[in-house]
N, C-alpha and C. Protein backbone atom coordinates (compact mmCIF):
# COMPACT_ATOMS: atom_id res chain seq x y z
N MET A 1 0.69 -1.13 0.05
CA MET A 1 -0.03 -0.10 0.05
C MET A 1 0.87 1.43 -0.01
N LYS A 2 1.95 1.26 0.76
CA LYS A 2 2.92 2.57 0.93
C LYS A 2 3.42 2.64 -0.34
N LYS A 3 3.92 1.69 -1.44
CA LYS A 3 4.36 1.65 -2.55
C LYS A 3 3.43 2.60 -3.63
N ASN A 4 2.09 2.21 -3.26
CA ASN A 4 1.18 2.67 -4.54
C ASN A 4 0.95 4.28 -4.15
N LYS A 5 1.11 4.58 -2.78
CA LYS A 5 1.07 6.00 -2.26
C LYS A 5 2.05 6.86 -2.90
N LYS A 6 3.35 6.19 -2.73
CA LYS A 6 4.53 6.92 -3.28
C LYS A 6 4.48 6.96 -4.82
N GLU A 7 3.86 6.12 -5.52
CA GLU A 7 3.68 6.27 -7.03
C GLU A 7 2.70 7.31 -7.21
N ILE A 8 1.46 7.05 -6.66
CA ILE A 8 0.64 8.21 -6.71
C ILE A 8 1.08 9.79 -6.75
N LEU A 9 2.06 9.94 -5.53
CA LEU A 9 2.47 11.15 -5.14
C LEU A 9 3.55 11.53 -6.21
N LYS A 10 4.17 10.67 -6.83
CA LYS A 10 5.18 10.99 -7.93
C LYS A 10 4.40 11.45 -9.17
N TRP A 11 3.21 10.96 -9.47
CA TRP A 11 2.46 11.31 -10.62
C TRP A 11 1.88 12.52 -10.32
N VAL A 12 1.24 12.80 -9.24
CA VAL A 12 0.60 14.10 -8.62
C VAL A 12 1.80 15.21 -8.92
N ALA A 13 3.08 15.01 -8.23
CA ALA A 13 3.91 16.01 -8.25
C ALA A 13 4.26 16.25 -9.87
N THR A 14 4.44 15.19 -10.65
CA THR A 14 4.77 15.31 -12.04
C THR A 14 3.73 16.27 -12.83
N ILE A 15 2.35 15.88 -12.70
CA ILE A 15 1.73 16.69 -13.13
C ILE A 15 1.59 18.13 -12.59
N ALA A 16 1.74 18.15 -11.53
CA ALA A 16 1.90 19.64 -10.79
C ALA A 16 2.77 20.46 -11.52
N VAL A 17 4.02 19.89 -11.65
CA VAL A 17 5.12 20.69 -12.42
C VAL A 17 4.96 20.98 -13.80
N ILE A 18 4.38 19.96 -14.33
CA ILE A 18 3.73 20.27 -15.78
C ILE A 18 2.75 21.40 -15.95
N ALA A 19 1.82 21.32 -15.09
CA ALA A 19 0.89 22.39 -15.09
C ALA A 19 1.44 23.73 -14.70
N VAL A 20 2.45 23.93 -13.78
CA VAL A 20 2.90 25.01 -13.36
C VAL A 20 3.54 25.54 -14.59
N PHE A 21 4.43 24.83 -15.24
CA PHE A 21 5.04 25.07 -16.42
C PHE A 21 4.11 25.91 -17.60
N TYR A 22 3.05 25.15 -17.91
CA TYR A 22 2.03 25.34 -18.85
C TYR A 22 1.50 26.55 -18.49
N PHE A 23 0.75 26.64 -17.31
CA PHE A 23 -0.02 27.62 -16.99
C PHE A 23 0.63 29.23 -16.72
N THR A 24 1.87 29.02 -16.32
CA THR A 24 2.66 30.36 -16.07
C THR A 24 3.40 30.72 -17.45
N GLY A 25 3.56 29.96 -18.59
CA GLY A 25 3.74 30.21 -19.71
C GLY A 25 5.46 29.82 -19.61
N TRP A 26 6.07 29.33 -18.66
CA TRP A 26 7.31 28.94 -18.73
C TRP A 26 7.66 27.94 -19.69
N HIS A 27 6.92 27.13 -20.29
CA HIS A 27 7.07 26.03 -21.06
C HIS A 27 7.73 26.81 -22.51
N ARG A 28 7.09 28.04 -23.08
CA ARG A 28 7.58 28.59 -24.26
C ARG A 28 9.08 28.60 -24.21
N PRO A 29 9.72 29.47 -23.37
CA PRO A 29 11.16 29.55 -23.45
C PRO A 29 12.01 28.33 -23.37
N LEU A 30 11.41 27.25 -22.60
CA LEU A 30 12.09 25.87 -22.64
C LEU A 30 11.95 25.16 -23.86
N ILE A 31 10.73 25.38 -24.45
CA ILE A 31 10.63 24.76 -25.74
C ILE A 31 11.39 25.38 -26.63
N ALA A 32 11.48 26.76 -26.84
CA ALA A 32 12.49 27.54 -27.65
C ALA A 32 13.85 27.11 -27.53
N LYS A 33 14.22 26.83 -26.33
CA LYS A 33 15.77 26.62 -25.93
C LYS A 33 16.11 25.08 -26.68
N LEU A 34 14.93 24.15 -26.27
CA LEU A 34 15.28 22.90 -27.13
C LEU A 34 15.31 23.02 -28.58
N GLN A 35 14.34 23.76 -29.30
CA GLN A 35 14.39 24.12 -30.76
C GLN A 35 15.59 24.84 -31.05
N GLN A 36 16.18 25.81 -30.40
CA GLN A 36 17.45 26.41 -30.79
C GLN A 36 18.53 25.35 -30.59
N ALA A 37 18.50 24.45 -29.88
CA ALA A 37 19.48 23.36 -29.94
C ALA A 37 19.44 22.47 -31.25
N VAL A 38 18.26 22.10 -31.68
CA VAL A 38 18.04 21.50 -33.03
C VAL A 38 18.52 22.53 -34.24
N LEU A 39 18.13 23.86 -34.29
CA LEU A 39 18.71 24.64 -35.12
C LEU A 39 20.14 24.84 -35.24
N SER A 40 20.84 24.58 -34.09
CA SER A 40 22.50 24.84 -34.11
C SER A 40 23.03 23.57 -34.82
N THR A 41 22.36 22.47 -34.96
CA THR A 41 22.84 21.46 -35.77
C THR A 41 22.93 21.75 -37.34
N GLY A 42 22.12 22.62 -37.87
CA GLY A 42 22.10 23.07 -39.11
C GLY A 42 21.15 21.94 -39.89
N ILE A 43 20.33 21.13 -39.32
CA ILE A 43 19.58 20.31 -40.14
C ILE A 43 18.15 20.98 -40.60
N ILE A 44 17.87 21.87 -40.23
CA ILE A 44 16.61 22.71 -40.55
C ILE A 44 17.04 24.14 -41.20
N LYS A 45 17.09 24.11 -42.34
CA LYS A 45 17.51 25.50 -43.17
C LYS A 45 16.69 25.50 -44.28
N PRO A 46 16.52 26.99 -44.75
CA PRO A 46 15.83 27.37 -45.82
C PRO A 46 16.28 26.89 -47.02
N ASP A 47 15.39 26.64 -48.00
CA ASP A 47 15.65 26.07 -49.07
C ASP A 47 15.93 27.17 -50.16
N ILE A 48 17.57 27.45 -50.35
CA ILE A 48 18.07 28.52 -51.20
C ILE A 48 18.57 27.76 -52.42
N SER A 49 18.10 26.74 -52.99
CA SER A 49 18.76 25.88 -54.06
C SER A 49 18.46 26.75 -55.29
N GLY A 50 17.54 27.63 -55.42
CA GLY A 50 17.37 28.34 -56.69
C GLY A 50 17.84 29.62 -56.73
N ASN A 51 18.30 30.00 -57.85
CA ASN A 51 18.80 31.66 -57.89
C ASN A 51 17.78 32.54 -58.44
N GLU A 52 16.66 32.00 -59.25
CA GLU A 52 15.63 32.56 -59.78
C GLU A 52 14.82 33.14 -58.87
N PRO A 53 14.01 34.26 -59.12
CA PRO A 53 13.06 34.66 -58.38
C PRO A 53 11.84 33.58 -58.31
N ILE A 54 11.20 33.40 -57.12
CA ILE A 54 9.96 32.32 -57.24
C ILE A 54 8.75 33.11 -57.30
N SER A 55 8.69 34.40 -57.30
CA SER A 55 7.40 35.21 -57.53
C SER A 55 7.75 36.59 -57.62
N GLU A 56 6.96 37.05 -58.74
CA GLU A 56 7.18 38.50 -59.05
C GLU A 56 6.03 39.26 -58.19
N LEU A 57 6.57 40.22 -57.42
CA LEU A 57 5.70 40.92 -56.49
C LEU A 57 5.69 42.38 -56.69
N ALA A 58 6.00 42.74 -57.87
CA ALA A 58 6.49 44.42 -57.93
C ALA A 58 5.18 45.12 -57.70
N ASP A 59 4.04 44.62 -57.81
CA ASP A 59 2.71 45.44 -57.70
C ASP A 59 2.23 45.30 -56.34
N THR A 60 2.71 44.30 -55.58
CA THR A 60 2.17 43.92 -54.03
C THR A 60 2.90 44.88 -53.09
N ASP A 61 2.15 45.39 -52.27
CA ASP A 61 2.56 46.23 -51.05
C ASP A 61 1.89 45.81 -49.92
N ALA A 62 2.55 45.76 -48.89
CA ALA A 62 2.08 45.67 -47.40
C ALA A 62 2.49 46.93 -46.47
N HIS A 63 1.70 47.15 -45.53
CA HIS A 63 1.92 48.27 -44.70
C HIS A 63 2.01 47.97 -43.24
N PHE A 64 2.89 48.75 -42.70
CA PHE A 64 3.56 48.32 -41.17
C PHE A 64 3.57 49.67 -40.36
N TYR A 65 3.59 49.45 -39.33
CA TYR A 65 4.03 50.50 -38.11
C TYR A 65 5.20 49.96 -37.52
N ASP A 66 6.24 50.94 -37.50
CA ASP A 66 7.48 50.76 -36.84
C ASP A 66 7.37 50.77 -35.35
N GLU A 67 8.31 50.60 -34.49
CA GLU A 67 8.30 50.81 -32.82
C GLU A 67 8.04 52.24 -32.67
N ASN A 68 8.09 53.22 -33.41
CA ASN A 68 7.79 54.71 -33.10
C ASN A 68 6.46 55.03 -33.66
N GLY A 69 5.60 53.94 -34.28
CA GLY A 69 4.37 54.36 -34.73
C GLY A 69 4.30 54.83 -36.05
N ASN A 70 5.36 55.18 -36.80
CA ASN A 70 5.33 55.61 -38.04
C ASN A 70 5.02 54.50 -39.03
N ARG A 71 4.05 54.72 -39.89
CA ARG A 71 3.47 54.02 -40.99
C ARG A 71 4.58 53.77 -42.45
N VAL A 72 4.96 52.66 -42.56
CA VAL A 72 5.83 52.29 -43.44
C VAL A 72 5.15 51.28 -44.53
N SER A 73 5.76 51.22 -45.76
CA SER A 73 5.16 50.37 -46.62
C SER A 73 6.29 49.35 -47.11
N LEU A 74 6.18 48.30 -47.51
CA LEU A 74 7.17 47.28 -48.08
C LEU A 74 7.96 47.82 -49.31
N SER A 75 6.94 48.55 -50.11
CA SER A 75 7.65 49.29 -51.39
C SER A 75 8.80 50.30 -50.89
N GLU A 76 8.83 50.74 -49.57
CA GLU A 76 9.72 51.87 -49.23
C GLU A 76 11.14 51.07 -49.06
N PHE A 77 11.23 49.86 -49.05
CA PHE A 77 12.38 49.07 -48.84
C PHE A 77 13.06 48.76 -50.02
N ARG A 78 12.55 48.90 -51.28
CA ARG A 78 13.18 48.52 -52.57
C ARG A 78 14.37 49.37 -52.66
N GLY A 79 15.18 48.44 -53.30
CA GLY A 79 16.73 49.24 -53.44
C GLY A 79 17.66 48.34 -52.62
N LYS A 80 17.35 47.63 -51.96
CA LYS A 80 18.06 46.71 -50.93
C LYS A 80 17.26 45.44 -50.96
N PRO A 81 17.93 44.19 -50.60
CA PRO A 81 17.28 43.03 -50.58
C PRO A 81 16.38 43.17 -49.01
N VAL A 82 15.39 42.63 -49.05
CA VAL A 82 14.37 42.61 -47.64
C VAL A 82 14.53 41.21 -47.22
N PHE A 83 14.74 41.14 -45.77
CA PHE A 83 14.26 39.76 -45.21
C PHE A 83 13.23 39.97 -44.30
N LEU A 84 12.10 39.47 -44.65
CA LEU A 84 10.72 39.81 -43.97
C LEU A 84 10.32 38.27 -43.20
N ASN A 85 10.21 38.56 -41.82
CA ASN A 85 9.86 37.51 -41.05
C ASN A 85 8.73 37.87 -40.20
N ILE A 86 7.60 36.89 -40.24
CA ILE A 86 6.56 37.28 -39.42
C ILE A 86 6.71 36.09 -38.16
N TRP A 87 6.26 36.70 -37.09
CA TRP A 87 6.73 35.93 -36.01
C TRP A 87 5.64 36.34 -34.58
N ALA A 88 5.96 35.70 -33.51
CA ALA A 88 5.06 36.37 -32.43
C ALA A 88 5.82 35.69 -31.09
N THR A 89 5.65 36.65 -30.20
CA THR A 89 6.26 36.33 -28.79
C THR A 89 5.86 34.90 -28.25
N TRP A 90 4.76 34.41 -28.52
CA TRP A 90 4.20 33.31 -27.84
C TRP A 90 4.44 32.01 -28.65
N CYS A 91 5.40 32.12 -29.66
CA CYS A 91 5.51 31.08 -30.72
C CYS A 91 7.02 30.54 -30.46
N PRO A 92 7.13 29.42 -29.78
CA PRO A 92 8.44 28.82 -29.47
C PRO A 92 9.46 28.90 -30.71
N PRO A 93 8.83 28.06 -31.88
CA PRO A 93 10.01 28.20 -33.06
C PRO A 93 10.37 29.53 -33.39
N CYS A 94 9.43 30.57 -33.25
CA CYS A 94 9.71 32.02 -33.54
C CYS A 94 10.95 32.42 -32.63
N ARG A 95 10.92 32.07 -31.55
CA ARG A 95 11.82 32.53 -30.31
C ARG A 95 13.14 31.83 -30.45
N ALA A 96 12.95 30.42 -30.93
CA ALA A 96 14.19 29.73 -31.39
C ALA A 96 15.11 30.19 -32.35
N GLU A 97 14.60 30.69 -33.55
CA GLU A 97 15.30 31.30 -34.78
C GLU A 97 15.93 32.64 -34.49
N MET A 98 15.28 33.30 -33.40
CA MET A 98 15.76 34.82 -33.20
C MET A 98 17.20 34.99 -32.97
N PRO A 99 17.82 34.30 -32.20
CA PRO A 99 19.22 34.49 -32.00
C PRO A 99 20.02 34.26 -33.51
N GLY A 100 19.68 33.30 -34.36
CA GLY A 100 20.26 33.30 -35.59
C GLY A 100 19.94 34.45 -36.52
N ILE A 101 18.61 34.91 -36.44
CA ILE A 101 18.21 36.06 -37.37
C ILE A 101 19.06 37.27 -36.79
N GLN A 102 19.34 37.45 -35.32
CA GLN A 102 20.13 38.68 -34.84
C GLN A 102 21.59 38.52 -35.46
N LYS A 103 22.12 37.49 -35.32
CA LYS A 103 23.49 37.31 -36.05
C LYS A 103 23.53 37.67 -37.29
N LEU A 104 22.61 37.29 -38.29
CA LEU A 104 22.42 37.65 -39.60
C LEU A 104 22.32 39.26 -39.72
N TYR A 105 21.39 39.59 -38.97
CA TYR A 105 21.26 41.03 -39.13
C TYR A 105 22.51 41.90 -38.66
N THR A 106 23.24 41.37 -37.69
CA THR A 106 24.38 42.18 -37.30
C THR A 106 25.60 41.97 -38.52
N GLU A 107 25.51 40.98 -39.12
CA GLU A 107 26.57 40.79 -40.18
C GLU A 107 26.06 41.50 -41.64
N ILE A 108 24.75 41.46 -41.85
CA ILE A 108 24.36 42.05 -43.07
C ILE A 108 23.20 42.91 -43.29
N GLY A 109 22.76 43.24 -42.11
CA GLY A 109 21.78 44.22 -42.11
C GLY A 109 21.97 45.93 -42.25
N GLY A 110 20.98 46.67 -42.06
CA GLY A 110 21.47 48.05 -42.15
C GLY A 110 21.72 48.64 -43.52
N GLU A 111 22.82 48.88 -43.85
CA GLU A 111 23.18 49.54 -45.04
C GLU A 111 23.11 48.50 -46.19
N LYS A 112 23.20 47.17 -45.96
CA LYS A 112 23.32 46.18 -47.16
C LYS A 112 21.97 45.48 -47.29
N ALA A 113 21.18 45.22 -46.33
CA ALA A 113 19.86 44.72 -46.39
C ALA A 113 18.75 45.08 -45.39
N SER A 114 17.61 45.24 -45.75
CA SER A 114 16.56 45.53 -44.83
C SER A 114 15.96 44.39 -44.09
N PHE A 115 15.71 44.56 -42.84
CA PHE A 115 15.05 43.53 -42.13
C PHE A 115 13.78 44.00 -41.61
N ILE A 116 12.73 43.17 -41.58
CA ILE A 116 11.29 43.51 -41.26
C ILE A 116 10.86 42.54 -40.34
N MET A 117 11.05 42.51 -39.06
CA MET A 117 10.50 41.53 -38.32
C MET A 117 9.09 42.03 -37.87
N LEU A 118 8.31 41.34 -38.44
CA LEU A 118 6.70 41.47 -38.19
C LEU A 118 5.99 40.84 -37.31
N SER A 119 5.82 41.29 -36.09
CA SER A 119 5.22 40.94 -34.96
C SER A 119 3.71 40.72 -35.26
N THR A 120 3.21 39.54 -34.70
CA THR A 120 1.68 39.15 -34.85
C THR A 120 1.08 39.45 -33.48
N ASP A 121 1.98 39.69 -32.51
CA ASP A 121 1.23 39.83 -31.19
C ASP A 121 0.18 40.69 -31.10
N ALA A 122 -0.96 40.53 -30.57
CA ALA A 122 -1.94 41.24 -30.35
C ALA A 122 -1.60 42.66 -29.56
N ASP A 123 -0.82 42.66 -28.71
CA ASP A 123 -0.20 43.49 -27.81
C ASP A 123 1.35 43.92 -28.33
N PHE A 124 1.60 44.84 -28.97
CA PHE A 124 2.92 45.24 -29.85
C PHE A 124 3.85 45.34 -28.53
N ALA A 125 3.44 45.81 -27.43
CA ALA A 125 4.22 46.36 -26.40
C ALA A 125 5.08 45.20 -26.04
N LYS A 126 4.32 43.97 -26.02
CA LYS A 126 5.05 42.68 -25.56
C LYS A 126 6.20 42.53 -26.46
N ALA A 127 5.85 42.56 -27.65
CA ALA A 127 7.01 42.33 -28.80
C ALA A 127 8.46 43.28 -28.44
N VAL A 128 7.93 44.65 -28.35
CA VAL A 128 8.89 45.55 -27.95
C VAL A 128 9.73 45.26 -26.90
N LYS A 129 9.06 44.67 -25.61
CA LYS A 129 9.58 44.31 -24.54
C LYS A 129 10.64 43.06 -24.61
N PHE A 130 10.10 42.08 -25.40
CA PHE A 130 10.66 40.50 -25.99
C PHE A 130 12.08 41.03 -26.49
N LYS A 131 11.82 42.18 -27.30
CA LYS A 131 13.19 42.30 -28.18
C LYS A 131 14.31 43.16 -27.22
N LYS A 132 13.51 43.92 -26.36
CA LYS A 132 14.59 44.59 -25.43
C LYS A 132 15.27 43.65 -24.35
N ASP A 133 14.39 42.73 -23.90
CA ASP A 133 14.92 41.84 -22.86
C ASP A 133 15.67 40.96 -23.38
N ASN A 134 15.83 40.70 -24.58
CA ASN A 134 16.66 39.49 -25.57
C ASN A 134 18.08 40.15 -25.94
N GLY A 135 17.92 41.55 -26.01
CA GLY A 135 19.09 42.28 -26.54
C GLY A 135 19.16 42.25 -28.00
N TYR A 136 17.91 41.91 -28.62
CA TYR A 136 17.97 42.32 -30.12
C TYR A 136 17.83 43.80 -30.76
N ASP A 137 18.50 43.76 -31.66
CA ASP A 137 18.40 45.36 -32.18
C ASP A 137 18.00 45.63 -33.49
N PHE A 138 17.29 44.37 -34.14
CA PHE A 138 16.89 44.66 -35.63
C PHE A 138 15.55 45.14 -35.27
N PRO A 139 15.10 45.95 -36.47
CA PRO A 139 13.67 46.60 -36.15
C PRO A 139 12.59 45.90 -36.07
N ILE A 140 11.50 45.88 -35.48
CA ILE A 140 10.23 45.18 -35.44
C ILE A 140 9.16 45.98 -35.85
N TYR A 141 8.23 45.25 -36.50
CA TYR A 141 7.16 46.16 -36.77
C TYR A 141 5.67 45.30 -36.60
N ARG A 142 4.54 45.86 -36.68
CA ARG A 142 3.34 45.47 -36.83
C ARG A 142 2.50 45.95 -37.77
N LEU A 143 1.54 44.90 -38.09
CA LEU A 143 0.71 45.27 -39.31
C LEU A 143 -0.21 46.50 -39.06
N ALA A 144 -0.07 47.26 -40.19
CA ALA A 144 -1.20 48.56 -40.30
C ALA A 144 -2.35 48.02 -40.89
N ALA A 145 -2.25 47.05 -41.87
CA ALA A 145 -3.34 46.66 -42.66
C ALA A 145 -3.21 45.05 -42.86
N SER A 146 -4.07 44.33 -43.41
CA SER A 146 -3.98 43.05 -43.71
C SER A 146 -2.79 42.84 -44.56
N LEU A 147 -2.15 41.69 -44.51
CA LEU A 147 -1.28 41.36 -45.55
C LEU A 147 -1.83 40.99 -46.71
N PRO A 148 -1.13 41.33 -48.01
CA PRO A 148 -1.84 40.93 -49.18
C PRO A 148 -1.88 39.39 -49.13
N GLU A 149 -2.74 38.88 -50.03
CA GLU A 149 -2.82 37.31 -50.20
C GLU A 149 -1.46 36.60 -50.55
N GLU A 150 -0.57 37.15 -51.43
CA GLU A 150 0.75 36.55 -51.54
C GLU A 150 1.39 36.40 -50.27
N LEU A 151 1.56 37.20 -49.38
CA LEU A 151 2.21 37.01 -48.07
C LEU A 151 1.41 36.63 -46.94
N ASP A 152 0.24 36.24 -46.83
CA ASP A 152 -0.45 35.91 -46.05
C ASP A 152 -0.26 34.57 -45.52
N THR A 153 -0.04 34.25 -44.25
CA THR A 153 0.42 32.95 -43.97
C THR A 153 -0.49 32.53 -42.57
N GLU A 154 -0.77 31.14 -42.24
CA GLU A 154 -1.20 30.78 -41.21
C GLU A 154 -0.09 30.06 -40.24
N SER A 155 1.06 30.13 -40.88
CA SER A 155 2.28 29.43 -40.22
C SER A 155 3.25 30.37 -39.59
N LEU A 156 3.53 30.14 -38.37
CA LEU A 156 4.49 31.00 -37.76
C LEU A 156 5.75 30.08 -37.38
N PRO A 157 6.82 30.60 -37.49
CA PRO A 157 7.29 31.65 -38.30
C PRO A 157 7.18 31.50 -39.81
N THR A 158 6.96 32.39 -40.46
CA THR A 158 7.12 32.36 -41.93
C THR A 158 8.21 33.62 -42.35
N THR A 159 9.20 33.33 -43.10
CA THR A 159 10.10 34.32 -43.80
C THR A 159 10.07 34.31 -45.13
N TYR A 160 10.16 35.58 -45.79
CA TYR A 160 10.09 36.07 -47.30
C TYR A 160 11.45 36.56 -47.12
N VAL A 161 12.19 36.52 -48.62
CA VAL A 161 13.33 37.24 -48.76
C VAL A 161 12.95 37.91 -50.24
N PHE A 162 13.14 38.89 -50.34
CA PHE A 162 12.89 39.75 -51.71
C PHE A 162 14.37 40.43 -52.23
N ASP A 163 14.37 40.46 -53.48
CA ASP A 163 15.68 41.28 -54.03
C ASP A 163 15.44 42.60 -54.07
N LYS A 164 16.37 43.34 -54.48
CA LYS A 164 16.20 44.75 -54.30
C LYS A 164 15.29 45.51 -55.37
N GLU A 165 14.80 44.62 -56.32
CA GLU A 165 13.66 45.20 -57.20
C GLU A 165 12.14 44.53 -56.66
N GLY A 166 12.24 43.73 -55.44
CA GLY A 166 10.94 43.61 -54.97
C GLY A 166 10.44 42.06 -55.17
N ARG A 167 11.43 41.27 -56.05
CA ARG A 167 10.95 39.91 -56.59
C ARG A 167 11.18 39.05 -55.25
N MET A 168 10.52 38.06 -55.02
CA MET A 168 10.63 36.99 -53.94
C MET A 168 11.53 36.08 -54.47
N HIS A 169 12.57 35.85 -53.52
CA HIS A 169 13.33 34.71 -53.75
C HIS A 169 13.40 33.58 -52.68
N LEU A 170 12.70 33.85 -51.53
CA LEU A 170 12.45 32.68 -50.70
C LEU A 170 11.27 32.68 -49.98
N SER A 171 10.44 31.66 -49.79
CA SER A 171 9.38 31.57 -48.94
C SER A 171 9.46 30.33 -47.94
N GLN A 172 9.71 30.78 -46.87
CA GLN A 172 10.09 29.52 -45.74
C GLN A 172 8.98 29.58 -44.82
N LYS A 173 8.16 28.60 -44.79
CA LYS A 173 7.27 28.37 -43.50
C LYS A 173 7.80 27.34 -42.61
N GLY A 174 7.78 28.01 -41.45
CA GLY A 174 8.55 27.02 -40.24
C GLY A 174 9.98 27.73 -39.96
N MET A 175 10.41 27.21 -38.75
CA MET A 175 11.71 27.85 -38.26
C MET A 175 12.81 27.32 -39.21
N ALA A 176 13.86 28.08 -39.18
CA ALA A 176 15.00 27.77 -39.90
C ALA A 176 16.46 28.17 -39.38
N LYS A 177 17.43 27.86 -39.91
CA LYS A 177 18.58 28.51 -39.36
C LYS A 177 19.19 29.56 -40.64
N TYR A 178 19.20 30.79 -40.05
CA TYR A 178 19.34 31.85 -41.12
C TYR A 178 20.96 32.36 -41.05
N ASP A 179 21.54 31.98 -40.03
CA ASP A 179 22.68 32.58 -39.69
C ASP A 179 23.84 31.55 -40.22
N SER A 180 23.76 30.80 -41.08
CA SER A 180 24.81 29.87 -41.89
C SER A 180 25.43 30.67 -42.95
N GLU A 181 26.78 30.12 -43.04
CA GLU A 181 27.59 30.87 -44.23
C GLU A 181 26.81 30.74 -45.46
N GLU A 182 26.04 29.72 -45.73
CA GLU A 182 25.57 29.37 -46.86
C GLU A 182 24.29 30.31 -47.27
N PHE A 183 23.51 30.56 -46.12
CA PHE A 183 22.47 31.63 -46.26
C PHE A 183 22.95 33.07 -46.54
N LYS A 184 24.27 33.19 -45.74
CA LYS A 184 24.68 34.72 -46.10
C LYS A 184 25.34 34.85 -47.45
N VAL A 185 25.82 33.87 -47.99
CA VAL A 185 26.11 33.87 -49.39
C VAL A 185 25.06 34.10 -50.36
N PHE A 186 23.66 33.36 -50.01
CA PHE A 186 22.58 33.63 -50.79
C PHE A 186 21.96 35.25 -50.55
N MET A 187 22.11 35.61 -49.32
CA MET A 187 21.65 37.08 -49.15
C MET A 187 22.64 37.94 -49.62
N ARG A 188 23.80 37.74 -49.83
CA ARG A 188 25.00 38.70 -50.37
C ARG A 188 24.78 38.74 -51.77
N GLY A 189 24.09 37.51 -52.55
CA GLY A 189 24.08 37.40 -53.91
C GLY A 189 22.79 38.18 -54.27
N LEU A 190 22.05 38.76 -53.46
CA LEU A 190 20.80 39.56 -53.85
C LEU A 190 20.98 41.27 -53.57
N PHE A 191 22.53 41.46 -53.29
CA PHE A 191 22.95 42.77 -53.00
C PHE A 191 22.82 43.67 -54.39
């Protein structure tokens, strides 16, 4: 009988720990760390096999608000390659790929390529706080209007890469490793 009580107590304690992790939201960073470990192996990478544009989006435009509340459009970023990542703070795969995106941004962002980190969080202040708390310095945005059909996605994270003329060269649904040398060469080829 004592053995059964101990077994029941172990199960109750295990379920309680799982419940605490789940209901407090602590499971998201934990899952993200596990997914970061998977990404670090390099087995999940974006498909950059083709050099040709996969879509002509010259007439497609999307509108965003930056962190200061300024309205900008995707077309304003033409002239440089654009890395557009759609993410949310509550999404563990999104959180997992952020350190790699930060490394990519540090190396090729700014003068060479534009980064649009598009948060889908209902509360944009959460995304701003997440960025600050994690020491990321890439620019983040929120939607000003619905995404055009060509960019609309139900999968988070989703990443699109455009060349300087606005033609899409990459559409990646799901997390991927973006700080690899292979991907940097791909991005530099769009300069």
